[in-house]
Amino acid sequence: MQDTELCVPFTYFKCFISGLLALQISINHNITGLVGKNDTHLTCSFTKDINQNFINVAIIPRSKNGIFPIKEPVVVFPPDKIAILPPSGNYLSGRVTLTNITKVSTTATLRFDNLQCEDEKDYICTVSYVNDLSVVIIDESEPTRIFVKGNDVTFLKCNIHIFDDSLVF
């Protein structure tokens, strides 16, 4: 059997093959939340192998230029430590609850305690680990999107963009 046969393609899984190791990572899909509410969350789930030295899980939003900047996560979940909001996630401070993970955990959750218009974007999860060949691997999930809804005034506020002193809806 070839190594590539070990990874069954799913629409929401991306697999990495190293020898006989396969990492599967996913994120809950296409979430809709209401502005100001606390029932919206992103949950990253992943599998681990005993030959992997787990480093962390991170959540990364798509940037304005359409890429997922791996070096700019908004949340980092290191094992057995308090989850971190790095500088790129400062805008979430005071508005989210983070689940701390352990070395045996396989899920990490970012819950929005006060969902805002700026939270409507695409996100991915990454898992960083050292494989059995001592190589640091960063694997990522397929993207998901948070859709933000509100009343008519909030909807208008969320969908107004100003470009060169012109309003665009």
N, C-alpha and C. Protein backbone atom coordinates (compact mmCIF):
# COMPACT_ATOMS: atom_id res chain seq x y z
N MET A 1 0.84 -1.18 0.00
CA MET A 1 0.00 0.00 0.00
C MET A 1 0.88 1.24 0.00
N GLN A 2 0.57 2.19 -0.85
CA GLN A 2 1.31 3.43 -0.88
C GLN A 2 0.80 4.36 0.21
N ASP A 3 1.69 5.25 0.69
CA ASP A 3 1.30 6.20 1.73
C ASP A 3 0.11 7.04 1.34
N THR A 4 0.02 7.43 0.09
CA THR A 4 -1.06 8.31 -0.35
C THR A 4 -2.43 7.65 -0.23
N GLU A 5 -2.47 6.32 -0.16
CA GLU A 5 -3.74 5.63 -0.02
C GLU A 5 -4.30 5.74 1.40
N LEU A 6 -3.49 6.15 2.36
CA LEU A 6 -3.93 6.26 3.74
C LEU A 6 -4.82 7.46 3.99
N CYS A 7 -4.78 8.44 3.13
CA CYS A 7 -5.51 9.68 3.35
C CYS A 7 -6.75 9.71 2.48
N VAL A 8 -7.90 9.54 3.10
CA VAL A 8 -9.16 9.58 2.36
C VAL A 8 -9.58 11.03 2.21
N PRO A 9 -9.81 11.51 1.00
CA PRO A 9 -10.15 12.93 0.83
C PRO A 9 -11.58 13.22 1.28
N PHE A 10 -11.73 14.17 2.18
CA PHE A 10 -13.02 14.67 2.60
C PHE A 10 -13.09 16.13 2.17
N THR A 11 -14.27 16.67 2.05
CA THR A 11 -14.39 18.06 1.63
C THR A 11 -13.88 19.00 2.72
N TYR A 12 -13.90 18.58 3.97
CA TYR A 12 -13.47 19.48 5.03
C TYR A 12 -12.20 19.04 5.72
N PHE A 13 -11.55 18.02 5.23
CA PHE A 13 -10.28 17.59 5.80
C PHE A 13 -9.15 17.81 4.81
N LYS A 14 -8.00 18.18 5.33
CA LYS A 14 -6.79 18.22 4.54
C LYS A 14 -5.81 17.31 5.25
N CYS A 15 -5.23 16.40 4.54
CA CYS A 15 -4.36 15.42 5.18
C CYS A 15 -2.91 15.65 4.79
N PHE A 16 -2.02 15.34 5.72
CA PHE A 16 -0.60 15.40 5.47
C PHE A 16 -0.04 14.01 5.68
N ILE A 17 0.74 13.54 4.76
CA ILE A 17 1.31 12.21 4.89
C ILE A 17 2.81 12.33 5.12
N SER A 18 3.28 11.68 6.16
CA SER A 18 4.71 11.57 6.46
C SER A 18 4.92 10.15 6.91
N GLY A 19 5.48 9.32 6.05
CA GLY A 19 5.57 7.91 6.39
C GLY A 19 4.17 7.36 6.54
N LEU A 20 3.83 6.92 7.75
CA LEU A 20 2.50 6.39 7.99
C LEU A 20 1.62 7.34 8.79
N LEU A 21 2.06 8.58 9.00
CA LEU A 21 1.28 9.54 9.78
C LEU A 21 0.34 10.32 8.89
N ALA A 22 -0.88 10.50 9.34
CA ALA A 22 -1.83 11.34 8.63
C ALA A 22 -2.51 12.25 9.64
N LEU A 23 -2.48 13.54 9.40
CA LEU A 23 -3.14 14.49 10.28
C LEU A 23 -4.41 14.95 9.61
N GLN A 24 -5.50 14.92 10.34
CA GLN A 24 -6.77 15.42 9.84
C GLN A 24 -7.17 16.59 10.71
N ILE A 25 -7.57 17.68 10.09
CA ILE A 25 -7.96 18.88 10.82
C ILE A 25 -9.22 19.44 10.19
N SER A 26 -10.14 19.91 11.03
CA SER A 26 -11.37 20.49 10.51
C SER A 26 -11.80 21.66 11.39
N ILE A 27 -12.71 22.45 10.86
CA ILE A 27 -13.29 23.58 11.57
C ILE A 27 -14.79 23.55 11.27
N ASN A 28 -15.61 23.95 12.28
CA ASN A 28 -17.05 23.97 12.01
C ASN A 28 -17.32 24.91 10.85
N HIS A 29 -18.36 24.60 10.07
CA HIS A 29 -18.55 25.27 8.79
C HIS A 29 -19.68 26.29 8.77
N ASN A 30 -19.40 27.40 8.08
CA ASN A 30 -20.37 28.43 7.72
C ASN A 30 -21.36 28.74 8.84
N ILE A 31 -20.87 29.50 9.78
CA ILE A 31 -21.60 29.84 10.99
C ILE A 31 -22.30 31.18 10.80
N THR A 32 -23.53 31.28 11.28
CA THR A 32 -24.24 32.55 11.26
C THR A 32 -24.48 32.98 12.69
N GLY A 33 -24.15 34.25 12.99
CA GLY A 33 -24.35 34.77 14.33
C GLY A 33 -24.97 36.14 14.29
N LEU A 34 -25.52 36.58 15.42
CA LEU A 34 -26.15 37.88 15.53
C LEU A 34 -25.21 38.87 16.22
N VAL A 35 -25.17 40.09 15.72
CA VAL A 35 -24.33 41.13 16.30
C VAL A 35 -24.64 41.27 17.79
N GLY A 36 -23.59 41.31 18.61
CA GLY A 36 -23.73 41.51 20.04
C GLY A 36 -24.03 40.26 20.84
N LYS A 37 -24.27 39.14 20.19
CA LYS A 37 -24.62 37.89 20.89
C LYS A 37 -23.37 37.08 21.22
N ASN A 38 -23.56 36.04 22.06
CA ASN A 38 -22.43 35.23 22.50
C ASN A 38 -22.58 33.76 22.14
N ASP A 39 -23.32 33.44 21.10
CA ASP A 39 -23.54 32.04 20.76
C ASP A 39 -22.81 31.61 19.48
N THR A 40 -21.83 32.39 19.05
CA THR A 40 -21.07 32.07 17.84
C THR A 40 -19.69 31.58 18.25
N HIS A 41 -19.26 30.48 17.65
CA HIS A 41 -17.94 29.96 17.99
C HIS A 41 -17.27 29.29 16.79
N LEU A 42 -15.95 29.25 16.85
CA LEU A 42 -15.14 28.50 15.90
C LEU A 42 -14.49 27.38 16.68
N THR A 43 -14.67 26.14 16.23
CA THR A 43 -14.07 25.00 16.91
C THR A 43 -13.19 24.25 15.92
N CYS A 44 -11.92 24.11 16.27
CA CYS A 44 -10.97 23.34 15.48
C CYS A 44 -10.86 21.95 16.09
N SER A 45 -10.98 20.93 15.26
CA SER A 45 -10.82 19.54 15.69
C SER A 45 -9.71 18.91 14.87
N PHE A 46 -8.95 18.05 15.51
CA PHE A 46 -7.83 17.43 14.81
C PHE A 46 -7.51 16.08 15.43
N THR A 47 -6.81 15.25 14.65
CA THR A 47 -6.33 13.97 15.16
C THR A 47 -4.84 14.11 15.45
N LYS A 48 -4.38 13.29 16.37
CA LYS A 48 -2.95 13.28 16.69
C LYS A 48 -2.44 11.86 16.66
N ASP A 49 -1.18 11.72 16.40
CA ASP A 49 -0.50 10.44 16.44
C ASP A 49 0.52 10.50 17.56
N ILE A 50 0.78 9.38 18.21
CA ILE A 50 1.73 9.40 19.31
C ILE A 50 3.14 9.77 18.87
N ASN A 51 3.43 9.67 17.58
CA ASN A 51 4.74 10.04 17.06
C ASN A 51 4.86 11.52 16.71
N GLN A 52 3.79 12.28 16.96
CA GLN A 52 3.81 13.71 16.67
C GLN A 52 4.01 14.48 17.96
N ASN A 53 4.90 15.44 17.94
CA ASN A 53 5.11 16.33 19.08
C ASN A 53 4.29 17.58 18.82
N PHE A 54 3.12 17.65 19.40
CA PHE A 54 2.16 18.72 19.20
C PHE A 54 2.71 20.05 19.71
N ILE A 55 2.63 21.11 18.88
CA ILE A 55 3.11 22.44 19.28
C ILE A 55 1.95 23.36 19.62
N ASN A 56 1.01 23.56 18.69
CA ASN A 56 -0.14 24.42 18.98
C ASN A 56 -1.20 24.31 17.90
N VAL A 57 -2.36 24.92 18.20
CA VAL A 57 -3.44 25.13 17.24
C VAL A 57 -3.58 26.64 17.12
N ALA A 58 -3.89 27.14 15.93
CA ALA A 58 -4.10 28.58 15.73
C ALA A 58 -5.32 28.79 14.85
N ILE A 59 -5.95 29.95 15.02
CA ILE A 59 -7.05 30.36 14.15
C ILE A 59 -6.60 31.60 13.40
N ILE A 60 -6.75 31.55 12.07
CA ILE A 60 -6.24 32.61 11.19
C ILE A 60 -7.37 33.10 10.29
N PRO A 61 -7.62 34.42 10.28
CA PRO A 61 -8.63 34.96 9.36
C PRO A 61 -8.01 35.28 8.00
N ARG A 62 -8.85 35.27 6.97
CA ARG A 62 -8.38 35.67 5.64
C ARG A 62 -8.10 37.17 5.66
N SER A 63 -6.98 37.59 5.10
CA SER A 63 -6.62 39.00 5.06
C SER A 63 -7.40 39.72 3.95
N LYS A 64 -7.29 41.03 3.94
CA LYS A 64 -8.00 41.82 2.93
C LYS A 64 -7.53 41.52 1.52
N ASN A 65 -6.28 41.03 1.38
CA ASN A 65 -5.79 40.71 0.04
C ASN A 65 -6.08 39.25 -0.34
N GLY A 66 -6.91 38.56 0.47
CA GLY A 66 -7.40 37.26 0.07
C GLY A 66 -6.57 36.06 0.48
N ILE A 67 -5.54 36.24 1.29
CA ILE A 67 -4.73 35.10 1.72
C ILE A 67 -4.93 34.85 3.22
N PHE A 68 -4.50 33.69 3.66
CA PHE A 68 -4.49 33.35 5.08
C PHE A 68 -3.05 33.47 5.56
N PRO A 69 -2.69 34.60 6.20
CA PRO A 69 -1.30 34.79 6.63
C PRO A 69 -0.97 33.90 7.83
N ILE A 70 -0.27 32.80 7.59
CA ILE A 70 0.04 31.81 8.62
C ILE A 70 0.75 32.44 9.82
N LYS A 71 1.53 33.47 9.59
CA LYS A 71 2.28 34.10 10.68
C LYS A 71 1.48 35.15 11.43
N GLU A 72 0.18 35.30 11.13
CA GLU A 72 -0.65 36.31 11.79
C GLU A 72 -1.95 35.71 12.34
N PRO A 73 -1.84 34.72 13.22
CA PRO A 73 -3.07 34.17 13.81
C PRO A 73 -3.72 35.18 14.75
N VAL A 74 -5.02 35.06 14.93
CA VAL A 74 -5.70 35.91 15.91
C VAL A 74 -5.78 35.23 17.27
N VAL A 75 -5.63 33.89 17.29
CA VAL A 75 -5.61 33.13 18.53
C VAL A 75 -4.61 31.98 18.38
N VAL A 76 -3.86 31.71 19.45
CA VAL A 76 -2.95 30.57 19.48
C VAL A 76 -3.28 29.76 20.74
N PHE A 77 -3.44 28.45 20.56
CA PHE A 77 -3.75 27.53 21.66
C PHE A 77 -2.55 26.60 21.89
N PRO A 78 -1.61 26.97 22.76
CA PRO A 78 -0.52 26.04 23.06
C PRO A 78 -1.01 24.98 24.06
N PRO A 79 -0.48 23.77 24.02
CA PRO A 79 -0.93 22.74 24.96
C PRO A 79 -0.50 23.06 26.39
N ASP A 80 -1.40 22.80 27.32
CA ASP A 80 -1.13 22.98 28.75
C ASP A 80 -0.74 24.40 29.14
N LYS A 81 -1.14 25.37 28.36
CA LYS A 81 -0.89 26.78 28.67
C LYS A 81 -2.16 27.57 28.36
N ILE A 82 -2.19 28.81 28.81
CA ILE A 82 -3.33 29.67 28.54
C ILE A 82 -3.30 30.08 27.07
N ALA A 83 -4.45 30.02 26.41
CA ALA A 83 -4.56 30.45 25.01
C ALA A 83 -4.17 31.93 24.92
N ILE A 84 -3.62 32.31 23.77
CA ILE A 84 -3.02 33.63 23.58
C ILE A 84 -3.72 34.40 22.47
N LEU A 85 -3.95 35.69 22.71
CA LEU A 85 -4.34 36.62 21.64
C LEU A 85 -3.08 37.39 21.26
N PRO A 86 -2.43 37.03 20.15
CA PRO A 86 -1.24 37.78 19.73
C PRO A 86 -1.65 39.17 19.23
N PRO A 87 -0.70 40.04 18.91
CA PRO A 87 -1.05 41.39 18.45
C PRO A 87 -2.07 41.41 17.31
N SER A 88 -2.02 40.45 16.40
CA SER A 88 -2.99 40.43 15.29
C SER A 88 -4.40 40.10 15.77
N GLY A 89 -4.55 39.64 17.02
CA GLY A 89 -5.86 39.34 17.57
C GLY A 89 -6.30 40.31 18.65
N ASN A 90 -5.56 41.41 18.82
CA ASN A 90 -5.91 42.39 19.86
C ASN A 90 -7.34 42.91 19.74
N TYR A 91 -7.86 43.00 18.53
CA TYR A 91 -9.22 43.52 18.34
C TYR A 91 -10.28 42.61 18.98
N LEU A 92 -9.91 41.38 19.34
CA LEU A 92 -10.83 40.45 19.99
C LEU A 92 -10.80 40.56 21.51
N SER A 93 -9.84 41.28 22.06
CA SER A 93 -9.66 41.37 23.51
C SER A 93 -10.94 41.84 24.19
N GLY A 94 -11.36 41.10 25.21
CA GLY A 94 -12.56 41.43 25.96
C GLY A 94 -13.85 40.98 25.30
N ARG A 95 -13.77 40.38 24.10
CA ARG A 95 -14.97 39.98 23.36
C ARG A 95 -15.06 38.48 23.12
N VAL A 96 -14.05 37.72 23.56
CA VAL A 96 -14.03 36.29 23.26
C VAL A 96 -13.66 35.48 24.50
N THR A 97 -14.05 34.20 24.46
CA THR A 97 -13.63 33.22 25.46
C THR A 97 -12.87 32.14 24.71
N LEU A 98 -11.72 31.76 25.23
CA LEU A 98 -10.86 30.77 24.60
C LEU A 98 -10.79 29.53 25.47
N THR A 99 -10.89 28.36 24.86
CA THR A 99 -10.70 27.13 25.62
C THR A 99 -9.22 26.79 25.63
N ASN A 100 -8.69 26.55 26.80
CA ASN A 100 -7.31 26.10 26.91
C ASN A 100 -7.29 24.62 26.57
N ILE A 101 -6.26 24.19 25.87
CA ILE A 101 -6.17 22.78 25.51
C ILE A 101 -5.02 22.13 26.26
N THR A 102 -5.06 20.82 26.34
CA THR A 102 -4.01 20.06 27.00
C THR A 102 -3.27 19.26 25.94
N LYS A 103 -2.25 18.56 26.37
CA LYS A 103 -1.48 17.75 25.42
C LYS A 103 -2.32 16.62 24.83
N VAL A 104 -3.41 16.27 25.49
CA VAL A 104 -4.27 15.20 24.96
C VAL A 104 -5.53 15.73 24.30
N SER A 105 -5.80 17.04 24.37
CA SER A 105 -6.99 17.61 23.74
C SER A 105 -6.91 17.51 22.23
N THR A 106 -8.07 17.41 21.62
CA THR A 106 -8.13 17.40 20.15
C THR A 106 -9.13 18.43 19.62
N THR A 107 -9.54 19.37 20.47
CA THR A 107 -10.38 20.48 20.01
C THR A 107 -9.93 21.78 20.68
N ALA A 108 -10.09 22.86 19.97
CA ALA A 108 -9.80 24.20 20.48
C ALA A 108 -10.95 25.09 20.02
N THR A 109 -11.47 25.91 20.94
CA THR A 109 -12.64 26.73 20.60
C THR A 109 -12.43 28.19 20.93
N LEU A 110 -12.83 29.03 19.99
CA LEU A 110 -12.89 30.48 20.15
C LEU A 110 -14.38 30.84 20.16
N ARG A 111 -14.88 31.33 21.30
CA ARG A 111 -16.29 31.74 21.38
C ARG A 111 -16.37 33.26 21.41
N PHE A 112 -17.18 33.81 20.53
CA PHE A 112 -17.39 35.25 20.49
C PHE A 112 -18.43 35.61 21.54
N ASP A 113 -18.04 36.37 22.57
CA ASP A 113 -18.96 36.82 23.61
C ASP A 113 -19.72 38.06 23.17
N ASN A 114 -19.19 38.74 22.18
CA ASN A 114 -19.82 39.96 21.66
C ASN A 114 -19.48 40.05 20.17
N LEU A 115 -20.24 39.33 19.35
CA LEU A 115 -19.97 39.27 17.92
C LEU A 115 -20.16 40.65 17.29
N GLN A 116 -19.22 41.04 16.43
CA GLN A 116 -19.25 42.34 15.77
C GLN A 116 -19.18 42.15 14.26
N CYS A 117 -19.51 43.22 13.53
CA CYS A 117 -19.47 43.18 12.06
C CYS A 117 -18.09 42.76 11.55
N GLU A 118 -17.04 43.26 12.20
CA GLU A 118 -15.67 42.97 11.74
C GLU A 118 -15.31 41.49 11.84
N ASP A 119 -16.12 40.70 12.56
CA ASP A 119 -15.84 39.27 12.70
C ASP A 119 -16.33 38.47 11.50
N GLU A 120 -17.10 39.09 10.61
CA GLU A 120 -17.58 38.39 9.42
C GLU A 120 -16.43 38.28 8.42
N LYS A 121 -15.91 37.08 8.32
CA LYS A 121 -14.80 36.79 7.40
C LYS A 121 -14.58 35.30 7.34
N ASP A 122 -13.64 34.89 6.52
CA ASP A 122 -13.24 33.49 6.41
C ASP A 122 -12.14 33.21 7.41
N TYR A 123 -12.14 31.98 7.95
CA TYR A 123 -11.14 31.56 8.93
C TYR A 123 -10.64 30.16 8.58
N ILE A 124 -9.43 29.85 9.00
CA ILE A 124 -8.91 28.49 8.96
C ILE A 124 -8.30 28.17 10.32
N CYS A 125 -8.13 26.88 10.57
CA CYS A 125 -7.38 26.41 11.73
C CYS A 125 -6.07 25.84 11.22
N THR A 126 -5.02 26.04 12.00
CA THR A 126 -3.76 25.36 11.70
C THR A 126 -3.35 24.55 12.92
N VAL A 127 -2.67 23.46 12.68
CA VAL A 127 -2.07 22.65 13.73
C VAL A 127 -0.59 22.55 13.42
N SER A 128 0.23 22.91 14.39
CA SER A 128 1.68 22.82 14.23
C SER A 128 2.19 21.68 15.10
N TYR A 129 3.07 20.87 14.53
CA TYR A 129 3.64 19.75 15.27
C TYR A 129 4.97 19.36 14.65
N VAL A 130 5.74 18.58 15.40
CA VAL A 130 7.00 18.03 14.91
C VAL A 130 6.73 16.57 14.58
N ASN A 131 7.02 16.18 13.34
CA ASN A 131 6.73 14.80 12.94
C ASN A 131 7.84 13.85 13.38
N ASP A 132 7.71 12.59 13.01
CA ASP A 132 8.67 11.56 13.42
C ASP A 132 10.05 11.74 12.79
N LEU A 133 10.17 12.64 11.82
CA LEU A 133 11.47 12.95 11.21
C LEU A 133 12.06 14.25 11.76
N SER A 134 11.46 14.77 12.85
CA SER A 134 11.89 16.02 13.51
C SER A 134 11.71 17.25 12.63
N VAL A 135 10.71 17.21 11.76
CA VAL A 135 10.39 18.34 10.89
C VAL A 135 9.14 19.02 11.43
N VAL A 136 9.18 20.36 11.54
CA VAL A 136 8.00 21.11 11.98
C VAL A 136 7.02 21.19 10.81
N ILE A 137 5.80 20.76 11.07
CA ILE A 137 4.75 20.75 10.07
C ILE A 137 3.64 21.69 10.53
N ILE A 138 3.15 22.51 9.62
CA ILE A 138 1.96 23.34 9.88
C ILE A 138 0.92 22.90 8.87
N ASP A 139 -0.13 22.29 9.37
CA ASP A 139 -1.20 21.84 8.49
C ASP A 139 -2.43 22.70 8.74
N GLU A 140 -3.29 22.84 7.74
CA GLU A 140 -4.43 23.74 7.87
C GLU A 140 -5.72 23.08 7.42
N SER A 141 -6.81 23.56 7.99
CA SER A 141 -8.14 23.10 7.62
C SER A 141 -8.59 23.80 6.35
N GLU A 142 -9.70 23.35 5.82
CA GLU A 142 -10.37 24.08 4.76
C GLU A 142 -10.97 25.33 5.42
N PRO A 143 -11.22 26.39 4.66
CA PRO A 143 -11.78 27.60 5.27
C PRO A 143 -13.25 27.46 5.64
N THR A 144 -13.65 28.27 6.59
CA THR A 144 -15.05 28.42 6.96
C THR A 144 -15.35 29.90 7.01
N ARG A 145 -16.62 30.26 7.09
CA ARG A 145 -17.00 31.69 7.12
C ARG A 145 -17.95 31.92 8.27
N ILE A 146 -17.77 33.06 8.94
CA ILE A 146 -18.76 33.55 9.90
C ILE A 146 -19.57 34.62 9.18
N PHE A 147 -20.88 34.43 9.17
CA PHE A 147 -21.81 35.42 8.63
C PHE A 147 -22.43 36.15 9.81
N VAL A 148 -22.42 37.47 9.79
CA VAL A 148 -22.95 38.27 10.89
C VAL A 148 -24.27 38.89 10.45
N LYS A 149 -25.29 38.71 11.27
CA LYS A 149 -26.62 39.28 11.00
C LYS A 149 -27.01 40.20 12.14
N GLY A 150 -27.93 41.09 11.85
CA GLY A 150 -28.45 41.99 12.86
C GLY A 150 -29.74 42.62 12.40
N ASN A 151 -30.21 43.61 13.14
CA ASN A 151 -31.42 44.32 12.71
C ASN A 151 -31.08 45.20 11.50
N ASP A 152 -32.05 45.92 10.97
CA ASP A 152 -31.83 46.70 9.76
C ASP A 152 -30.72 47.74 9.92
N VAL A 153 -30.66 48.42 11.06
CA VAL A 153 -29.62 49.44 11.28
C VAL A 153 -28.25 48.78 11.36
N THR A 154 -28.17 47.67 12.08
CA THR A 154 -26.89 46.95 12.20
C THR A 154 -26.45 46.42 10.85
N PHE A 155 -27.40 45.86 10.09
CA PHE A 155 -27.07 45.33 8.77
C PHE A 155 -26.50 46.43 7.88
N LEU A 156 -27.12 47.60 7.91
CA LEU A 156 -26.63 48.72 7.12
C LEU A 156 -25.23 49.12 7.57
N LYS A 157 -25.02 49.20 8.89
CA LYS A 157 -23.71 49.56 9.43
C LYS A 157 -22.64 48.54 9.02
N CYS A 158 -22.99 47.26 9.04
CA CYS A 158 -22.03 46.21 8.70
C CYS A 158 -21.67 46.21 7.22
N ASN A 159 -22.55 46.72 6.39
CA ASN A 159 -22.35 46.62 4.95
C ASN A 159 -22.00 47.94 4.28
N ILE A 160 -21.70 48.98 5.04
CA ILE A 160 -21.25 50.24 4.47
C ILE A 160 -19.73 50.27 4.49
N HIS A 161 -19.16 50.57 3.36
CA HIS A 161 -17.71 50.70 3.24
C HIS A 161 -17.42 52.06 2.62
N ILE A 162 -16.40 52.73 3.13
CA ILE A 162 -16.05 54.04 2.58
C ILE A 162 -14.73 53.91 1.82
N PHE A 163 -14.77 54.25 0.53
CA PHE A 163 -13.58 54.23 -0.31
C PHE A 163 -13.44 55.61 -0.94
N ASP A 164 -12.34 56.27 -0.71
CA ASP A 164 -12.08 57.58 -1.30
C ASP A 164 -13.26 58.55 -1.10
N ASP A 165 -13.73 58.65 0.12
CA ASP A 165 -14.85 59.53 0.50
C ASP A 165 -16.16 59.20 -0.21
N SER A 166 -16.30 58.00 -0.77
CA SER A 166 -17.54 57.58 -1.39
C SER A 166 -18.12 56.42 -0.61
N LEU A 167 -19.41 56.39 -0.42
CA LEU A 167 -20.07 55.27 0.26
C LEU A 167 -20.34 54.17 -0.72
N VAL A 168 -20.05 52.96 -0.31
CA VAL A 168 -20.32 51.77 -1.13
C VAL A 168 -21.11 50.81 -0.27
N PHE A 169 -22.26 50.32 -0.79
CA PHE A 169 -23.10 49.38 -0.05
C PHE A 169 -22.92 47.99 -0.63
